[in-house]
Amino acid sequence: MIDEQREHRLHRDPATAIPEEACPAIVRGIVEAHDGRATVRNVPGGCRFEVVLPAAAS
């Protein structure tokens, strides 16, 4: 899976691709719209997104 993701990232169409630096802001906006929180931190080989969403009401 990781190799497929790397391959996709290397061969994506620059005209339609979302800039990598915009991804954290996009994730944060979606998560906060659902009353959650998101953090991003650097890890060896890339970054790690941590997303916390509230449980659905029963």
C-alpha atoms as a PDB file:
ATOM      1  CA  MET A   1       0.000   0.000   0.000  1.00  0.00           C
ATOM      2  CA  ILE A   2       2.760   2.454   0.890  1.00  0.00           C
ATOM      3  CA  ASP A   3       4.510   1.884  -2.458  1.00  0.00           C
ATOM      4  CA  GLU A   4       1.229   2.479  -4.316  1.00  0.00           C
ATOM      5  CA  GLN A   5       0.701   5.749  -2.434  1.00  0.00           C
ATOM      6  CA  ARG A   6       4.246   6.874  -3.204  1.00  0.00           C
ATOM      7  CA  GLU A   7       3.791   5.950  -6.879  1.00  0.00           C
ATOM      8  CA  HIS A   8       0.532   7.928  -7.047  1.00  0.00           C
ATOM      9  CA  ARG A   9       2.161  10.957  -5.430  1.00  0.00           C
ATOM     10  CA  LEU A  10       5.000  10.913  -7.960  1.00  0.00           C
ATOM     11  CA  HIS A  11       2.750  10.636 -11.029  1.00  0.00           C
ATOM     12  CA  ARG A  12      -0.249  12.783 -10.179  1.00  0.00           C
ATOM     13  CA  ASP A  13      -1.392  15.487 -12.567  1.00  0.00           C
ATOM     14  CA  PRO A  14      -0.048  18.835 -11.302  1.00  0.00           C
ATOM     15  CA  ALA A  15      -3.017  20.650 -12.861  1.00  0.00           C
ATOM     16  CA  THR A  16      -5.500  18.857 -10.585  1.00  0.00           C
ATOM     17  CA  ALA A  17      -3.373  17.914  -7.578  1.00  0.00           C
ATOM     18  CA  ILE A  18      -3.891  19.515  -4.179  1.00  0.00           C
ATOM     19  CA  PRO A  19      -0.596  20.970  -2.961  1.00  0.00           C
ATOM     20  CA  GLU A  20       0.813  18.849  -0.129  1.00  0.00           C
ATOM     21  CA  GLU A  21       1.160  21.901   2.113  1.00  0.00           C
ATOM     22  CA  ALA A  22      -2.614  22.466   1.865  1.00  0.00           C
ATOM     23  CA  CYS A  23      -3.530  18.983   3.134  1.00  0.00           C
ATOM     24  CA  PRO A  24      -3.244  19.713   6.886  1.00  0.00           C
ATOM     25  CA  ALA A  25      -5.549  22.732   6.552  1.00  0.00           C
ATOM     26  CA  ILE A  26      -8.093  20.726   4.563  1.00  0.00           C
ATOM     27  CA  VAL A  27      -8.112  17.892   7.108  1.00  0.00           C
ATOM     28  CA  ARG A  28      -8.358  20.320  10.024  1.00  0.00           C
ATOM     29  CA  GLY A  29     -11.294  22.159   8.407  1.00  0.00           C
ATOM     30  CA  ILE A  30     -13.267  18.969   7.802  1.00  0.00           C
ATOM     31  CA  VAL A  31     -12.614  17.596  11.284  1.00  0.00           C
ATOM     32  CA  GLU A  32     -13.428  20.858  13.073  1.00  0.00           C
ATOM     33  CA  ALA A  33     -16.671  21.122  11.075  1.00  0.00           C
ATOM     34  CA  HIS A  34     -17.644  17.856  12.800  1.00  0.00           C
ATOM     35  CA  ASP A  35     -16.681  19.132  16.279  1.00  0.00           C
ATOM     36  CA  GLY A  36     -13.483  17.094  16.328  1.00  0.00           C
ATOM     37  CA  ARG A  37      -9.823  17.946  16.439  1.00  0.00           C
ATOM     38  CA  ALA A  38      -6.883  17.115  14.211  1.00  0.00           C
ATOM     39  CA  THR A  39      -3.161  17.341  14.710  1.00  0.00           C
ATOM     40  CA  VAL A  40      -0.259  16.692  12.381  1.00  0.00           C
ATOM     41  CA  ARG A  41       3.238  15.791  13.442  1.00  0.00           C
ATOM     42  CA  ASN A  42       6.425  14.811  11.690  1.00  0.00           C
ATOM     43  CA  VAL A  43       7.500  11.194  11.885  1.00  0.00           C
ATOM     44  CA  PRO A  44      10.362   9.407  10.144  1.00  0.00           C
ATOM     45  CA  GLY A  45       9.467   9.131   6.466  1.00  0.00           C
ATOM     46  CA  GLY A  46       6.579  11.607   6.447  1.00  0.00           C
ATOM     47  CA  CYS A  47       3.880  12.903   8.725  1.00  0.00           C
ATOM     48  CA  ARG A  48       1.156  11.507  10.943  1.00  0.00           C
ATOM     49  CA  PHE A  49      -2.386  12.858  11.019  1.00  0.00           C
ATOM     50  CA  GLU A  50      -4.263  12.237  14.259  1.00  0.00           C
ATOM     51  CA  VAL A  51      -8.024  12.764  14.090  1.00  0.00           C
ATOM     52  CA  VAL A  52     -10.422  12.656  17.021  1.00  0.00           C
ATOM     53  CA  LEU A  53     -14.164  12.827  16.360  1.00  0.00           C
ATOM     54  CA  PRO A  54     -16.991  12.749  18.883  1.00  0.00           C
ATOM     55  CA  ALA A  55     -18.975   9.536  19.125  1.00  0.00           C
ATOM     56  CA  ALA A  56     -22.344   9.533  17.401  1.00  0.00           C
ATOM     57  CA  ALA A  57     -25.316  10.218  19.651  1.00  0.00           C
ATOM     58  CA  SER A  58     -27.341   7.098  20.480  1.00  0.00           C
END
